[in-house]
Amino acid sequence: MGTRRKSRELAMQMLFQGDLGKHTPEQVAKLFWDSRDDVDDDTRAFAEDIYRVATTKQPEIDKLIEAHAQNWRLERMAVVDRNLLRAAVAEMMGSPNTPAAIVINESLEVARRYAAPESIHFLNGVLDAIARDLLKQRLG
């Protein structure tokens, strides 16, 4: 597994942990990294970047997800799906030089490992719609 994919996976895991727990983003990050000493600095840094954007811009990210996930409220989505979406959107926002297609494809690869098989099409559709919307905003 590549460094970036591992970072994306770790960021989703932190978001998942924070979604289920009652800790602040800082507490989640500390608890998460305290249990991992096998992650190299580059992998950890990229995971932390995604996590930071996802937590600091969560209201904006969640609004984008709900606007593009037709007939789905965030709280009704599977926890893995919700946090895969948050991580991918955070990366699209925080790393605009990374092509959205790469972010989407990598997110789907992580989803194949953690999400239900039927989630792949849902995630792909939502992320594609969000990517087009963000591109429109940038070109605005």
Protein backbone atom coordinates (compact mmCIF):
# COMPACT_ATOMS: atom_id res chain seq x y z
CA MET A 1 0.00 0.00 0.00
CA GLY A 2 1.32 3.44 -0.93
CA THR A 3 2.12 6.14 1.59
CA ARG A 4 -0.74 8.39 0.49
CA ARG A 5 -3.33 5.61 0.57
CA LYS A 6 -2.16 4.61 4.04
CA SER A 7 -2.48 8.27 5.10
CA ARG A 8 -6.02 8.41 3.74
CA GLU A 9 -6.88 5.24 5.59
CA LEU A 10 -5.44 6.58 8.86
CA ALA A 11 -7.29 9.89 8.48
CA MET A 12 -10.57 8.03 7.95
CA GLN A 13 -9.86 5.91 11.04
CA MET A 14 -9.27 9.02 13.15
CA LEU A 15 -12.48 10.58 11.86
CA PHE A 16 -14.32 7.33 12.58
CA GLN A 17 -12.92 7.25 16.12
CA GLY A 18 -13.91 10.86 16.69
CA ASP A 19 -17.39 10.29 15.26
CA LEU A 20 -18.10 7.46 17.70
CA GLY A 21 -16.41 8.94 20.77
CA LYS A 22 -16.97 12.02 22.81
CA HIS A 23 -13.47 13.43 22.51
CA THR A 24 -12.22 16.64 20.98
CA PRO A 25 -10.32 16.34 17.68
CA GLU A 26 -7.09 16.97 19.59
CA GLN A 27 -7.83 14.18 22.08
CA VAL A 28 -8.72 11.80 19.24
CA ALA A 29 -5.45 12.54 17.45
CA LYS A 30 -3.41 12.06 20.62
CA LEU A 31 -5.12 8.77 21.51
CA PHE A 32 -4.86 7.57 17.93
CA TRP A 33 -1.15 8.29 17.50
CA ASP A 34 -0.29 7.02 20.98
CA SER A 35 -1.37 3.56 19.80
CA ARG A 36 0.73 3.66 16.61
CA ASP A 37 4.47 3.80 16.45
CA ASP A 38 4.85 2.03 13.11
CA VAL A 39 3.86 4.99 10.90
CA ASP A 40 6.57 6.95 9.10
CA ASP A 41 6.69 10.75 9.30
CA ASP A 42 5.44 11.44 5.74
CA THR A 43 2.46 9.11 6.11
CA ARG A 44 1.57 10.60 9.48
CA ALA A 45 1.92 14.20 8.25
CA PHE A 46 -0.41 13.68 5.29
CA ALA A 47 -2.96 11.85 7.49
CA GLU A 48 -2.82 14.71 9.99
CA ASP A 49 -3.34 17.28 7.21
CA ILE A 50 -6.49 15.52 6.00
CA TYR A 51 -7.76 15.08 9.56
CA ARG A 52 -7.09 18.73 10.44
CA VAL A 53 -8.99 20.02 7.40
CA ALA A 54 -11.82 17.54 8.01
CA THR A 55 -12.26 18.58 11.63
CA THR A 56 -11.78 22.33 11.23
CA LYS A 57 -14.07 22.54 8.20
CA GLN A 58 -16.52 19.83 9.28
CA PRO A 59 -19.66 22.01 9.15
CA GLU A 60 -18.83 23.11 5.59
CA ILE A 61 -17.88 19.58 4.55
CA ASP A 62 -21.01 18.06 6.08
CA LYS A 63 -23.16 20.64 4.31
CA LEU A 64 -21.54 19.73 0.97
CA ILE A 65 -22.06 16.03 1.60
CA GLU A 66 -25.72 16.44 2.50
CA ALA A 67 -26.32 18.68 -0.51
CA HIS A 68 -24.95 16.02 -2.86
CA ALA A 69 -26.14 12.84 -1.13
CA GLN A 70 -29.65 12.97 -2.40
CA ASN A 71 -32.21 11.89 0.18
CA TRP A 72 -29.53 10.99 2.73
CA ARG A 73 -28.91 12.73 6.02
CA LEU A 74 -25.45 12.33 7.51
CA GLU A 75 -26.71 10.66 10.67
CA ARG A 76 -28.41 7.95 8.59
CA MET A 77 -25.27 7.07 6.63
CA ALA A 78 -23.04 4.23 7.71
CA VAL A 79 -20.29 5.59 9.97
CA VAL A 80 -17.55 4.35 7.62
CA ASP A 81 -19.23 5.93 4.58
CA ARG A 82 -19.75 9.24 6.35
CA ASN A 83 -16.11 9.46 7.40
CA LEU A 84 -14.74 8.30 4.04
CA LEU A 85 -16.72 11.14 2.48
CA ARG A 86 -15.44 13.63 5.05
CA ALA A 87 -11.83 12.58 4.51
CA ALA A 88 -12.10 12.74 0.72
CA VAL A 89 -13.82 16.12 0.69
CA ALA A 90 -11.25 17.44 3.18
CA GLU A 91 -8.47 16.31 0.87
CA MET A 92 -10.16 17.94 -2.14
CA MET A 93 -10.42 21.18 -0.18
CA GLY A 94 -7.00 21.04 1.46
CA SER A 95 -4.99 19.70 -1.48
CA PRO A 96 -6.50 21.36 -4.55
CA ASN A 97 -3.47 20.40 -6.68
CA THR A 98 -4.30 16.71 -6.30
CA PRO A 99 -6.72 15.82 -9.09
CA ALA A 100 -10.18 14.99 -7.75
CA ALA A 101 -10.21 11.77 -9.77
CA ILE A 102 -7.20 10.52 -7.79
CA VAL A 103 -8.80 11.47 -4.46
CA ILE A 104 -12.01 9.69 -5.48
CA ASN A 105 -10.25 6.56 -6.74
CA GLU A 106 -8.09 6.31 -3.65
CA SER A 107 -11.12 6.81 -1.40
CA LEU A 108 -12.93 4.02 -3.19
CA GLU A 109 -9.93 1.73 -2.67
CA VAL A 110 -10.05 2.47 1.06
CA ALA A 111 -13.83 1.90 0.94
CA ARG A 112 -13.32 -1.53 -0.63
CA ARG A 113 -11.42 -2.46 2.51
CA TYR A 114 -13.74 -0.93 5.14
CA ALA A 115 -17.18 -0.22 3.68
CA ALA A 116 -19.99 -2.46 2.55
CA PRO A 117 -19.78 -3.46 -1.14
CA GLU A 118 -22.99 -1.59 -1.94
CA SER A 119 -21.45 1.63 -0.62
CA ILE A 120 -18.96 1.97 -3.49
CA HIS A 121 -21.46 3.34 -6.04
CA PHE A 122 -22.99 5.68 -3.47
CA LEU A 123 -19.59 7.05 -2.43
CA ASN A 124 -18.45 7.43 -6.03
CA GLY A 125 -21.59 9.36 -7.01
CA VAL A 126 -21.47 11.71 -4.03
CA LEU A 127 -17.73 12.39 -4.37
CA ASP A 128 -18.00 12.98 -8.11
CA ALA A 129 -20.81 15.51 -7.61
CA ILE A 130 -18.88 17.29 -4.85
CA ALA A 131 -15.71 17.38 -6.98
CA ARG A 132 -17.62 19.04 -9.84
CA ASP A 133 -19.13 21.55 -7.43
CA LEU A 134 -15.75 22.42 -5.87
CA LEU A 135 -14.20 22.81 -9.33
CA LYS A 136 -17.01 25.18 -10.33
CA GLN A 137 -16.40 27.21 -7.17
CA ARG A 138 -12.66 27.44 -7.88
CA LEU A 139 -13.19 28.50 -11.48
CA GLY A 140 -16.08 30.72 -10.37
